[in-house]
């Protein structure tokens, strides 16, 4: 850490330290940052996408004007965190779910109906992307289908532009994730 501090000092570059307690803590603040960025650019911001573990595509997410709320796995804890986020956020019209399936019935596993229930409770339409829900959690083929399924979604209406780092730092400070 000392070498990083020194490099930043030598190059007049800020050092921003981000810390968080668990894998879901950053999801809400990051979703809000990207939603605000889309609104400021005049883009729609009423569609949420839920990437899961390795199942996600940042570039397609941006190009489709989707707000990402990342989950670490398709488990009930992550769905509960999603529920809390949706309760605190402005209403989304539609929520796309990329449920990573690890192929095993396991304690805490979240099922498509868990996502649908939470999403519906917050007034949004739920869409399972590239997933064969009847095969859940054994549909490993969703890894091969989700890219095309995202390509089939309509693109955003505005070209993307860089997100201001100061806006990100400020939002993360407000969420308590930036220290120092």
N, C-alpha and C. Protein backbone atom coordinates (compact mmCIF):
# COMPACT_ATOMS: atom_id res chain seq x y z
N UNK A 1 0.82 -1.19 0.00
CA UNK A 1 0.00 0.00 0.00
C UNK A 1 0.87 1.26 0.00
N UNK A 2 2.01 1.19 0.65
CA UNK A 2 2.89 2.37 0.70
C UNK A 2 3.36 2.75 -0.70
N UNK A 3 3.68 1.77 -1.53
CA UNK A 3 4.13 2.07 -2.89
C UNK A 3 3.02 2.73 -3.70
N UNK A 4 1.81 2.30 -3.48
CA UNK A 4 0.68 2.91 -4.19
C UNK A 4 0.48 4.34 -3.73
N UNK A 5 0.52 4.56 -2.42
CA UNK A 5 0.40 5.92 -1.87
C UNK A 5 1.49 6.84 -2.44
N UNK A 6 2.70 6.31 -2.51
CA UNK A 6 3.82 7.11 -3.02
C UNK A 6 3.62 7.44 -4.49
N UNK A 7 3.21 6.46 -5.30
CA UNK A 7 2.98 6.70 -6.73
C UNK A 7 1.92 7.78 -6.92
N UNK A 8 0.82 7.68 -6.16
CA UNK A 8 -0.24 8.68 -6.26
C UNK A 8 0.28 10.08 -5.89
N UNK A 9 1.06 10.15 -4.83
CA UNK A 9 1.63 11.45 -4.42
C UNK A 9 2.57 12.00 -5.48
N UNK A 10 3.41 11.15 -6.04
CA UNK A 10 4.38 11.57 -7.06
C UNK A 10 3.71 12.04 -8.35
N UNK A 11 2.53 11.50 -8.64
CA UNK A 11 1.84 11.81 -9.90
C UNK A 11 0.60 12.67 -9.72
N UNK A 12 0.48 13.28 -8.52
CA UNK A 12 -0.66 14.14 -8.22
C UNK A 12 -1.99 13.45 -8.58
N UNK A 13 -2.08 12.22 -8.15
CA UNK A 13 -3.26 11.40 -8.45
C UNK A 13 -3.94 11.04 -7.13
N UNK A 14 -5.26 11.17 -7.04
CA UNK A 14 -5.91 10.82 -5.77
C UNK A 14 -5.86 9.32 -5.51
N UNK A 15 -5.81 8.99 -4.26
CA UNK A 15 -5.90 7.60 -3.83
C UNK A 15 -7.27 7.43 -3.19
N UNK A 16 -8.06 6.55 -3.73
CA UNK A 16 -9.40 6.31 -3.21
C UNK A 16 -9.45 4.87 -2.72
N UNK A 17 -9.78 4.72 -1.47
CA UNK A 17 -9.85 3.38 -0.87
C UNK A 17 -11.32 2.98 -0.74
N UNK A 18 -11.68 1.88 -1.38
CA UNK A 18 -13.05 1.38 -1.35
C UNK A 18 -13.06 0.11 -0.51
N UNK A 19 -13.96 0.06 0.46
CA UNK A 19 -14.06 -1.14 1.28
C UNK A 19 -15.53 -1.52 1.42
N UNK A 20 -15.76 -2.81 1.58
CA UNK A 20 -17.13 -3.30 1.71
C UNK A 20 -17.12 -4.58 2.52
N UNK A 21 -18.28 -4.87 3.13
CA UNK A 21 -18.40 -6.00 4.06
C UNK A 21 -18.69 -7.33 3.38
N UNK A 22 -19.32 -7.31 2.23
CA UNK A 22 -19.69 -8.56 1.57
C UNK A 22 -19.93 -8.34 0.10
N UNK A 23 -20.11 -9.40 -0.64
CA UNK A 23 -20.18 -9.28 -2.10
C UNK A 23 -21.37 -8.48 -2.62
N UNK A 24 -22.45 -8.39 -1.86
CA UNK A 24 -23.62 -7.65 -2.35
C UNK A 24 -23.59 -6.17 -2.01
N UNK A 25 -22.74 -5.74 -1.10
CA UNK A 25 -22.80 -4.37 -0.61
C UNK A 25 -22.62 -3.32 -1.71
N UNK A 26 -21.79 -3.58 -2.69
CA UNK A 26 -21.55 -2.60 -3.74
C UNK A 26 -22.65 -2.58 -4.80
N UNK A 27 -23.46 -3.61 -4.86
CA UNK A 27 -24.43 -3.73 -5.96
C UNK A 27 -25.42 -2.58 -6.02
N UNK A 28 -26.02 -2.22 -4.90
CA UNK A 28 -26.98 -1.12 -4.88
C UNK A 28 -26.37 0.22 -5.24
N UNK A 29 -25.28 0.61 -4.56
CA UNK A 29 -24.65 1.88 -4.92
C UNK A 29 -24.19 1.94 -6.39
N UNK A 30 -23.62 0.87 -6.89
CA UNK A 30 -23.18 0.87 -8.30
C UNK A 30 -24.38 0.98 -9.24
N UNK A 31 -25.47 0.27 -8.91
CA UNK A 31 -26.68 0.38 -9.74
C UNK A 31 -27.18 1.83 -9.75
N UNK A 32 -27.19 2.47 -8.58
CA UNK A 32 -27.67 3.85 -8.52
C UNK A 32 -26.75 4.80 -9.28
N UNK A 33 -25.45 4.57 -9.21
CA UNK A 33 -24.49 5.41 -9.95
C UNK A 33 -24.77 5.29 -11.45
N UNK A 34 -24.91 4.08 -11.92
CA UNK A 34 -25.12 3.88 -13.36
C UNK A 34 -26.50 4.33 -13.81
N UNK A 35 -27.49 4.20 -12.94
CA UNK A 35 -28.82 4.70 -13.28
C UNK A 35 -28.80 6.23 -13.40
N UNK A 36 -28.15 6.89 -12.47
CA UNK A 36 -28.03 8.36 -12.54
C UNK A 36 -27.29 8.79 -13.80
N UNK A 37 -26.22 8.08 -14.13
CA UNK A 37 -25.44 8.38 -15.34
C UNK A 37 -26.32 8.26 -16.57
N UNK A 38 -27.14 7.23 -16.64
CA UNK A 38 -28.03 7.07 -17.80
C UNK A 38 -29.04 8.21 -17.86
N UNK A 39 -29.61 8.56 -16.73
CA UNK A 39 -30.59 9.66 -16.71
C UNK A 39 -29.95 10.98 -17.15
N UNK A 40 -28.75 11.26 -16.66
CA UNK A 40 -28.06 12.51 -17.01
C UNK A 40 -27.79 12.59 -18.51
N UNK A 41 -27.60 11.45 -19.15
CA UNK A 41 -27.34 11.42 -20.60
C UNK A 41 -28.63 11.42 -21.42
N UNK A 42 -29.78 11.42 -20.75
CA UNK A 42 -31.05 11.40 -21.44
C UNK A 42 -31.46 10.00 -21.90
N UNK A 43 -30.85 8.99 -21.32
CA UNK A 43 -31.15 7.60 -21.68
C UNK A 43 -32.24 7.08 -20.75
N UNK A 44 -32.94 6.07 -21.20
CA UNK A 44 -33.93 5.44 -20.32
C UNK A 44 -33.18 4.76 -19.16
N UNK A 45 -33.85 4.63 -18.04
CA UNK A 45 -33.19 4.03 -16.87
C UNK A 45 -34.18 3.21 -16.07
N UNK A 46 -35.16 2.64 -16.76
CA UNK A 46 -36.22 1.92 -16.05
C UNK A 46 -36.15 0.40 -16.24
N UNK A 47 -35.00 -0.08 -16.75
CA UNK A 47 -34.82 -1.52 -16.91
C UNK A 47 -33.56 -1.95 -16.16
N UNK A 48 -33.74 -2.92 -15.28
CA UNK A 48 -32.67 -3.43 -14.44
C UNK A 48 -32.25 -4.79 -14.98
N UNK A 49 -30.96 -5.09 -14.90
CA UNK A 49 -30.49 -6.43 -15.22
C UNK A 49 -29.75 -6.97 -14.01
N UNK A 50 -29.95 -8.25 -13.75
CA UNK A 50 -29.32 -8.89 -12.60
C UNK A 50 -28.31 -9.91 -13.08
N UNK A 51 -27.05 -9.50 -13.30
CA UNK A 51 -26.00 -10.47 -13.57
C UNK A 51 -25.77 -11.32 -12.32
N UNK A 52 -25.28 -12.51 -12.53
CA UNK A 52 -25.07 -13.43 -11.42
C UNK A 52 -23.74 -14.15 -11.59
N UNK A 53 -22.87 -14.02 -10.59
CA UNK A 53 -21.56 -14.64 -10.61
C UNK A 53 -20.84 -14.25 -11.89
N UNK A 54 -20.49 -15.19 -12.75
CA UNK A 54 -19.79 -14.88 -14.00
C UNK A 54 -20.74 -14.63 -15.16
N UNK A 55 -22.02 -14.77 -14.93
CA UNK A 55 -23.01 -14.63 -15.99
C UNK A 55 -23.41 -13.17 -16.10
N UNK A 56 -22.79 -12.47 -17.02
CA UNK A 56 -23.08 -11.06 -17.22
C UNK A 56 -22.21 -10.52 -18.33
N UNK A 57 -22.56 -9.35 -18.83
CA UNK A 57 -21.82 -8.74 -19.92
C UNK A 57 -21.89 -7.23 -19.78
N UNK A 58 -20.88 -6.61 -19.19
CA UNK A 58 -20.92 -5.16 -18.97
C UNK A 58 -21.13 -4.35 -20.25
N UNK A 59 -20.48 -4.72 -21.33
CA UNK A 59 -20.60 -3.94 -22.56
C UNK A 59 -22.02 -4.01 -23.11
N UNK A 60 -22.59 -5.19 -23.18
CA UNK A 60 -23.97 -5.31 -23.66
C UNK A 60 -24.93 -4.60 -22.70
N UNK A 61 -24.64 -4.65 -21.41
CA UNK A 61 -25.48 -3.96 -20.43
C UNK A 61 -25.52 -2.47 -20.71
N UNK A 62 -24.37 -1.87 -20.94
CA UNK A 62 -24.31 -0.43 -21.25
C UNK A 62 -25.00 -0.13 -22.58
N UNK A 63 -24.71 -0.93 -23.58
CA UNK A 63 -25.28 -0.68 -24.90
C UNK A 63 -26.77 -0.91 -24.97
N UNK A 64 -27.32 -1.65 -24.04
CA UNK A 64 -28.77 -1.88 -24.01
C UNK A 64 -29.45 -0.95 -23.01
N UNK A 65 -28.69 -0.03 -22.42
CA UNK A 65 -29.21 0.94 -21.44
C UNK A 65 -29.87 0.24 -20.26
N UNK A 66 -29.22 -0.82 -19.78
CA UNK A 66 -29.72 -1.56 -18.62
C UNK A 66 -28.95 -1.13 -17.38
N UNK A 67 -29.63 -1.06 -16.26
CA UNK A 67 -29.01 -0.75 -14.98
C UNK A 67 -28.61 -2.08 -14.34
N UNK A 68 -27.33 -2.30 -14.05
CA UNK A 68 -26.92 -3.59 -13.48
C UNK A 68 -26.98 -3.63 -11.95
N UNK A 69 -27.54 -4.70 -11.43
CA UNK A 69 -27.50 -5.00 -10.00
C UNK A 69 -26.91 -6.41 -9.89
N UNK A 70 -25.60 -6.50 -9.65
CA UNK A 70 -24.89 -7.78 -9.66
C UNK A 70 -25.21 -8.59 -8.41
N UNK A 71 -25.37 -9.91 -8.61
CA UNK A 71 -25.53 -10.83 -7.49
C UNK A 71 -24.40 -11.85 -7.55
N UNK A 72 -23.93 -12.27 -6.39
CA UNK A 72 -22.79 -13.18 -6.36
C UNK A 72 -23.17 -14.60 -6.74
N UNK A 73 -24.42 -14.98 -6.59
CA UNK A 73 -24.88 -16.32 -6.94
C UNK A 73 -26.40 -16.30 -6.92
N UNK A 74 -27.02 -17.30 -7.49
CA UNK A 74 -28.48 -17.40 -7.44
C UNK A 74 -28.87 -18.08 -6.13
N UNK A 75 -28.80 -17.29 -5.07
CA UNK A 75 -29.12 -17.78 -3.73
C UNK A 75 -30.09 -16.80 -3.05
N UNK A 76 -30.78 -17.30 -2.04
CA UNK A 76 -31.81 -16.49 -1.38
C UNK A 76 -31.24 -15.23 -0.74
N UNK A 77 -30.02 -15.28 -0.20
CA UNK A 77 -29.42 -14.07 0.38
C UNK A 77 -29.31 -12.96 -0.66
N UNK A 78 -28.89 -13.32 -1.86
CA UNK A 78 -28.76 -12.33 -2.93
C UNK A 78 -30.13 -11.80 -3.35
N UNK A 79 -31.12 -12.67 -3.38
CA UNK A 79 -32.47 -12.23 -3.74
C UNK A 79 -33.04 -11.32 -2.64
N UNK A 80 -32.72 -11.60 -1.38
CA UNK A 80 -33.14 -10.71 -0.28
C UNK A 80 -32.49 -9.34 -0.42
N UNK A 81 -31.21 -9.31 -0.79
CA UNK A 81 -30.53 -8.03 -1.00
C UNK A 81 -31.16 -7.28 -2.17
N UNK A 82 -31.53 -8.01 -3.22
CA UNK A 82 -32.24 -7.40 -4.36
C UNK A 82 -33.56 -6.80 -3.89
N UNK A 83 -34.29 -7.52 -3.05
CA UNK A 83 -35.56 -7.03 -2.51
C UNK A 83 -35.35 -5.70 -1.78
N UNK A 84 -34.32 -5.63 -0.95
CA UNK A 84 -34.02 -4.39 -0.22
C UNK A 84 -33.68 -3.26 -1.19
N UNK A 85 -32.89 -3.57 -2.21
CA UNK A 85 -32.55 -2.54 -3.19
C UNK A 85 -33.79 -2.03 -3.91
N UNK A 86 -34.62 -2.95 -4.39
CA UNK A 86 -35.82 -2.53 -5.12
C UNK A 86 -36.76 -1.72 -4.24
N UNK A 87 -36.80 -2.02 -2.95
CA UNK A 87 -37.64 -1.26 -2.02
C UNK A 87 -37.15 0.18 -1.87
N UNK A 88 -35.86 0.41 -2.05
CA UNK A 88 -35.29 1.75 -1.84
C UNK A 88 -35.12 2.54 -3.14
N UNK A 89 -35.21 1.87 -4.28
CA UNK A 89 -34.95 2.52 -5.57
C UNK A 89 -36.26 2.99 -6.21
N UNK A 90 -36.14 3.95 -7.11
CA UNK A 90 -37.29 4.29 -7.95
C UNK A 90 -37.71 3.03 -8.69
N UNK A 91 -38.98 2.93 -8.96
CA UNK A 91 -39.54 1.73 -9.59
C UNK A 91 -38.92 1.46 -10.96
N UNK A 92 -38.62 0.19 -11.22
CA UNK A 92 -38.18 -0.26 -12.54
C UNK A 92 -39.39 -0.83 -13.26
N UNK A 93 -39.42 -0.67 -14.55
CA UNK A 93 -40.49 -1.21 -15.39
C UNK A 93 -40.29 -2.69 -15.66
N UNK A 94 -39.05 -3.06 -15.91
CA UNK A 94 -38.72 -4.44 -16.28
C UNK A 94 -37.39 -4.82 -15.64
N UNK A 95 -37.29 -6.09 -15.22
CA UNK A 95 -36.06 -6.61 -14.61
C UNK A 95 -35.67 -7.89 -15.33
N UNK A 96 -34.48 -7.90 -15.91
CA UNK A 96 -33.94 -9.07 -16.60
C UNK A 96 -33.05 -9.83 -15.63
N UNK A 97 -33.23 -11.13 -15.54
CA UNK A 97 -32.48 -11.96 -14.60
C UNK A 97 -31.57 -12.91 -15.37
N UNK A 98 -30.27 -12.83 -15.08
CA UNK A 98 -29.28 -13.78 -15.60
C UNK A 98 -28.90 -14.68 -14.42
N UNK A 99 -29.64 -15.72 -14.21
CA UNK A 99 -29.40 -16.58 -13.06
C UNK A 99 -28.35 -17.63 -13.33
N UNK A 100 -27.15 -17.45 -12.76
CA UNK A 100 -26.11 -18.46 -12.91
C UNK A 100 -26.54 -19.72 -12.18
N UNK A 101 -26.45 -20.84 -12.88
CA UNK A 101 -26.86 -22.13 -12.30
C UNK A 101 -25.64 -23.02 -12.15
N UNK A 102 -25.42 -23.47 -10.95
CA UNK A 102 -24.25 -24.28 -10.67
C UNK A 102 -24.53 -25.77 -10.76
N UNK A 103 -25.76 -26.16 -11.11
CA UNK A 103 -26.05 -27.55 -11.41
C UNK A 103 -26.40 -28.43 -10.24
N UNK A 104 -26.64 -27.86 -9.06
CA UNK A 104 -26.93 -28.71 -7.89
C UNK A 104 -28.06 -28.12 -7.07
N UNK A 105 -28.89 -29.00 -6.55
CA UNK A 105 -29.88 -28.59 -5.54
C UNK A 105 -29.08 -28.36 -4.27
N UNK A 106 -29.17 -27.18 -3.70
CA UNK A 106 -28.35 -26.89 -2.53
C UNK A 106 -29.11 -25.99 -1.56
N UNK A 107 -28.72 -26.00 -0.29
CA UNK A 107 -29.38 -25.13 0.68
C UNK A 107 -29.24 -23.66 0.27
N UNK A 108 -30.33 -22.92 0.38
CA UNK A 108 -30.30 -21.49 0.06
C UNK A 108 -30.45 -21.17 -1.41
N UNK A 109 -30.61 -22.17 -2.25
CA UNK A 109 -30.76 -21.94 -3.69
C UNK A 109 -31.97 -21.06 -3.98
N UNK A 110 -31.79 -20.05 -4.79
CA UNK A 110 -32.92 -19.22 -5.25
C UNK A 110 -33.41 -19.78 -6.58
N UNK A 111 -34.70 -19.84 -6.71
CA UNK A 111 -35.34 -20.37 -7.92
C UNK A 111 -35.96 -19.23 -8.71
N UNK A 112 -36.30 -19.48 -9.97
CA UNK A 112 -36.93 -18.42 -10.78
C UNK A 112 -38.14 -17.78 -10.09
N UNK A 113 -38.95 -18.61 -9.40
CA UNK A 113 -40.13 -18.04 -8.74
C UNK A 113 -39.75 -17.11 -7.59
N UNK A 114 -38.59 -17.30 -6.97
CA UNK A 114 -38.12 -16.38 -5.94
C UNK A 114 -37.84 -15.01 -6.54
N UNK A 115 -37.15 -15.01 -7.68
CA UNK A 115 -36.89 -13.75 -8.38
C UNK A 115 -38.20 -13.11 -8.81
N UNK A 116 -39.07 -13.89 -9.43
CA UNK A 116 -40.35 -13.34 -9.93
C UNK A 116 -41.17 -12.74 -8.81
N UNK A 117 -41.22 -13.40 -7.68
CA UNK A 117 -41.99 -12.91 -6.54
C UNK A 117 -41.47 -11.55 -6.06
N UNK A 118 -40.16 -11.46 -5.85
CA UNK A 118 -39.56 -10.21 -5.38
C UNK A 118 -39.75 -9.10 -6.41
N UNK A 119 -39.46 -9.39 -7.64
CA UNK A 119 -39.57 -8.37 -8.70
C UNK A 119 -41.01 -7.91 -8.85
N UNK A 120 -41.95 -8.85 -8.87
CA UNK A 120 -43.36 -8.51 -8.99
C UNK A 120 -43.87 -7.69 -7.83
N UNK A 121 -43.38 -7.97 -6.63
CA UNK A 121 -43.78 -7.22 -5.44
C UNK A 121 -43.43 -5.74 -5.57
N UNK A 122 -42.43 -5.44 -6.40
CA UNK A 122 -42.00 -4.06 -6.58
C UNK A 122 -42.53 -3.46 -7.88
N UNK A 123 -43.51 -4.14 -8.48
CA UNK A 123 -44.23 -3.57 -9.61
C UNK A 123 -43.54 -3.69 -10.95
N UNK A 124 -42.56 -4.55 -11.07
CA UNK A 124 -41.84 -4.69 -12.35
C UNK A 124 -42.15 -6.04 -12.99
N UNK A 125 -41.99 -6.07 -14.29
CA UNK A 125 -42.09 -7.32 -15.04
C UNK A 125 -40.75 -8.05 -14.92
N UNK A 126 -40.76 -9.35 -14.67
CA UNK A 126 -39.52 -10.11 -14.61
C UNK A 126 -39.34 -10.91 -15.89
N UNK A 127 -38.09 -10.93 -16.37
CA UNK A 127 -37.75 -11.66 -17.58
C UNK A 127 -36.51 -12.50 -17.30
N UNK A 128 -36.63 -13.80 -17.40
CA UNK A 128 -35.47 -14.70 -17.25
C UNK A 128 -34.77 -14.75 -18.60
N UNK A 129 -33.48 -14.41 -18.63
CA UNK A 129 -32.74 -14.25 -19.88
C UNK A 129 -31.90 -15.49 -20.20
N UNK A 130 -32.19 -16.12 -21.32
CA UNK A 130 -31.39 -17.25 -21.78
C UNK A 130 -31.49 -18.48 -20.91
N UNK A 131 -32.54 -18.57 -20.08
CA UNK A 131 -32.67 -19.63 -19.09
C UNK A 131 -33.87 -20.51 -19.42
N UNK A 132 -33.69 -21.79 -19.26
CA UNK A 132 -34.81 -22.74 -19.33
C UNK A 132 -35.21 -23.02 -17.89
N UNK A 133 -36.24 -22.34 -17.44
CA UNK A 133 -36.59 -22.37 -16.02
C UNK A 133 -36.99 -23.76 -15.53
N UNK A 134 -37.53 -24.58 -16.38
CA UNK A 134 -37.92 -25.93 -15.95
C UNK A 134 -36.71 -26.80 -15.63
N UNK A 135 -35.55 -26.43 -16.13
CA UNK A 135 -34.33 -27.20 -15.87
C UNK A 135 -33.52 -26.65 -14.70
N UNK A 136 -33.94 -25.56 -14.11
CA UNK A 136 -33.23 -24.89 -13.02
C UNK A 136 -33.01 -25.84 -11.87
N UNK A 137 -31.89 -25.99 -11.27
CA UNK A 137 -30.62 -25.30 -11.45
C UNK A 137 -29.63 -26.07 -12.32
N UNK A 138 -30.15 -26.89 -13.22
CA UNK A 138 -29.29 -27.76 -14.04
C UNK A 138 -29.10 -27.26 -15.46
N UNK A 139 -29.57 -26.07 -15.77
CA UNK A 139 -29.50 -25.54 -17.14
C UNK A 139 -28.16 -24.84 -17.38
N UNK A 140 -27.11 -25.60 -17.44
CA UNK A 140 -25.77 -25.05 -17.67
C UNK A 140 -25.69 -24.42 -19.07
N UNK A 141 -26.55 -24.85 -19.98
CA UNK A 141 -26.58 -24.29 -21.33
C UNK A 141 -26.90 -22.81 -21.38
N UNK A 142 -27.43 -22.27 -20.28
CA UNK A 142 -27.70 -20.82 -20.26
C UNK A 142 -26.42 -20.02 -20.47
N UNK A 143 -25.28 -20.60 -20.09
CA UNK A 143 -23.99 -19.94 -20.33
C UNK A 143 -23.76 -19.68 -21.81
N UNK A 144 -24.26 -20.56 -22.66
CA UNK A 144 -24.08 -20.41 -24.11
C UNK A 144 -25.19 -19.57 -24.74
N UNK A 145 -26.32 -19.39 -24.06
CA UNK A 145 -27.46 -18.69 -24.66
C UNK A 145 -27.61 -17.23 -24.26
N UNK A 146 -27.05 -16.85 -23.11
CA UNK A 146 -27.38 -15.52 -22.61
C UNK A 146 -26.85 -14.39 -23.50
N UNK A 147 -25.70 -14.59 -24.15
CA UNK A 147 -25.15 -13.53 -25.01
C UNK A 147 -26.09 -13.19 -26.15
N UNK A 148 -26.58 -14.19 -26.84
CA UNK A 148 -27.53 -13.95 -27.93
C UNK A 148 -28.83 -13.35 -27.39
N UNK A 149 -29.26 -13.83 -26.23
CA UNK A 149 -30.48 -13.28 -25.64
C UNK A 149 -30.31 -11.79 -25.33
N UNK A 150 -29.15 -11.39 -24.85
CA UNK A 150 -28.89 -9.96 -24.62
C UNK A 150 -28.81 -9.19 -25.93
N UNK A 151 -28.21 -9.80 -26.94
CA UNK A 151 -28.15 -9.15 -28.26
C UNK A 151 -29.53 -8.88 -28.82
N UNK A 152 -30.49 -9.73 -28.48
CA UNK A 152 -31.85 -9.58 -28.99
C UNK A 152 -32.63 -8.46 -28.31
N UNK A 153 -32.13 -7.92 -27.21
CA UNK A 153 -32.79 -6.81 -26.54
C UNK A 153 -32.54 -5.52 -27.33
N UNK A 154 -33.47 -4.59 -27.29
CA UNK A 154 -33.28 -3.34 -28.04
C UNK A 154 -32.12 -2.52 -27.48
N UNK A 155 -31.38 -1.85 -28.36
CA UNK A 155 -30.27 -1.02 -27.89
C UNK A 155 -30.77 0.26 -27.22
N UNK A 156 -29.88 0.88 -26.47
CA UNK A 156 -30.19 2.18 -25.90
C UNK A 156 -30.31 3.21 -27.02
N UNK A 157 -30.79 4.38 -26.68
CA UNK A 157 -31.01 5.41 -27.69
C UNK A 157 -29.87 6.41 -27.79
N UNK A 158 -28.96 6.40 -26.83
CA UNK A 158 -27.87 7.38 -26.80
C UNK A 158 -26.53 6.68 -26.84
N UNK A 159 -25.56 7.28 -27.53
CA UNK A 159 -24.22 6.70 -27.47
C UNK A 159 -23.66 6.88 -26.05
N UNK A 160 -22.90 5.90 -25.62
CA UNK A 160 -22.34 6.01 -24.28
C UNK A 160 -21.25 7.06 -24.27
N UNK A 161 -20.98 7.59 -23.12
CA UNK A 161 -19.89 8.53 -22.90
C UNK A 161 -19.28 8.21 -21.55
N UNK A 162 -18.06 8.65 -21.31
CA UNK A 162 -17.40 8.29 -20.05
C UNK A 162 -18.18 8.76 -18.82
N UNK A 163 -18.11 7.96 -17.80
CA UNK A 163 -18.71 8.27 -16.51
C UNK A 163 -17.67 9.04 -15.70
N UNK A 164 -18.06 10.16 -15.14
CA UNK A 164 -17.14 11.02 -14.38
C UNK A 164 -16.70 10.32 -13.09
N UNK A 165 -15.39 10.11 -12.92
CA UNK A 165 -14.90 9.44 -11.70
C UNK A 165 -15.30 10.17 -10.42
N UNK A 166 -15.36 11.51 -10.46
CA UNK A 166 -15.73 12.25 -9.25
C UNK A 166 -17.15 11.92 -8.81
N UNK A 167 -18.06 11.72 -9.77
CA UNK A 167 -19.44 11.35 -9.44
C UNK A 167 -19.48 9.98 -8.78
N UNK A 168 -18.65 9.07 -9.27
CA UNK A 168 -18.60 7.72 -8.70
C UNK A 168 -18.06 7.79 -7.26
N UNK A 169 -16.98 8.53 -7.07
CA UNK A 169 -16.38 8.64 -5.74
C UNK A 169 -17.37 9.26 -4.76
N UNK A 170 -18.04 10.32 -5.17
CA UNK A 170 -19.03 10.97 -4.30
C UNK A 170 -20.14 10.01 -3.91
N UNK A 171 -20.67 9.28 -4.89
CA UNK A 171 -21.75 8.33 -4.60
C UNK A 171 -21.27 7.21 -3.67
N UNK A 172 -20.07 6.73 -3.88
CA UNK A 172 -19.54 5.68 -3.01
C UNK A 172 -19.26 6.22 -1.60
N UNK A 173 -18.85 7.49 -1.50
CA UNK A 173 -18.68 8.10 -0.18
C UNK A 173 -20.01 8.16 0.54
N UNK A 174 -21.06 8.53 -0.18
CA UNK A 174 -22.39 8.63 0.44
C UNK A 174 -22.88 7.26 0.91
N UNK A 175 -22.44 6.20 0.25
CA UNK A 175 -22.85 4.86 0.63
C UNK A 175 -21.98 4.29 1.76
N UNK A 176 -20.92 5.02 2.13
CA UNK A 176 -20.03 4.58 3.19
C UNK A 176 -18.94 3.61 2.73
N UNK A 177 -18.77 3.46 1.43
CA UNK A 177 -17.79 2.51 0.91
C UNK A 177 -16.41 3.12 0.68
N UNK A 178 -16.32 4.45 0.63
CA UNK A 178 -15.03 5.12 0.43
C UNK A 178 -14.57 5.69 1.75
N UNK A 179 -13.35 5.37 2.10
CA UNK A 179 -12.77 5.89 3.34
C UNK A 179 -11.49 6.64 3.02
N UNK A 180 -11.15 7.55 3.89
CA UNK A 180 -9.87 8.25 3.75
C UNK A 180 -9.89 9.43 2.85
